[in-house]
């Protein structure tokens, strides 16, 4: 009987070692499958992130082009308004019989002299002390 127990114990130990090995293999396989799953998920995440980044970059380029074109449009509209205004002025001048100035028709003014001398009139209601102060400070 002891021999049977030894044989049984030996077989039991073999079964236990096989179970341990199979459990270790199962654990290794599950870790390996989990690792592969995370690698595949990260690859999908990276590819989707790169697509989103490319689209954002395209959107930013388009926004900058839109703002640049909007500024150009506004400047062209202002230029059109200025040209229309000048045409209207020219039409009105022709209607009034005005002609553009020529070199012989111009009048030259010598600004080295004081052509527009302005007389300073003293205010009669100013107090005497303020008039003296103004004369001292050179305001007159």
Foldseek 3Di string as FASTA:
>chain_A
DVVVVVVVVVVVVVVVVVVVVVVVVVVVVVVVVVVVVVVVVVVVVVVVVVVVVVVVVVVVVVVVVVVVVVVVVVVVVVVVVVVVVVVVVVVVCVVVVHDDDDPVRDDDDDPVDCPPDDDDDDDPPDDPVVVVVCVVVVVD
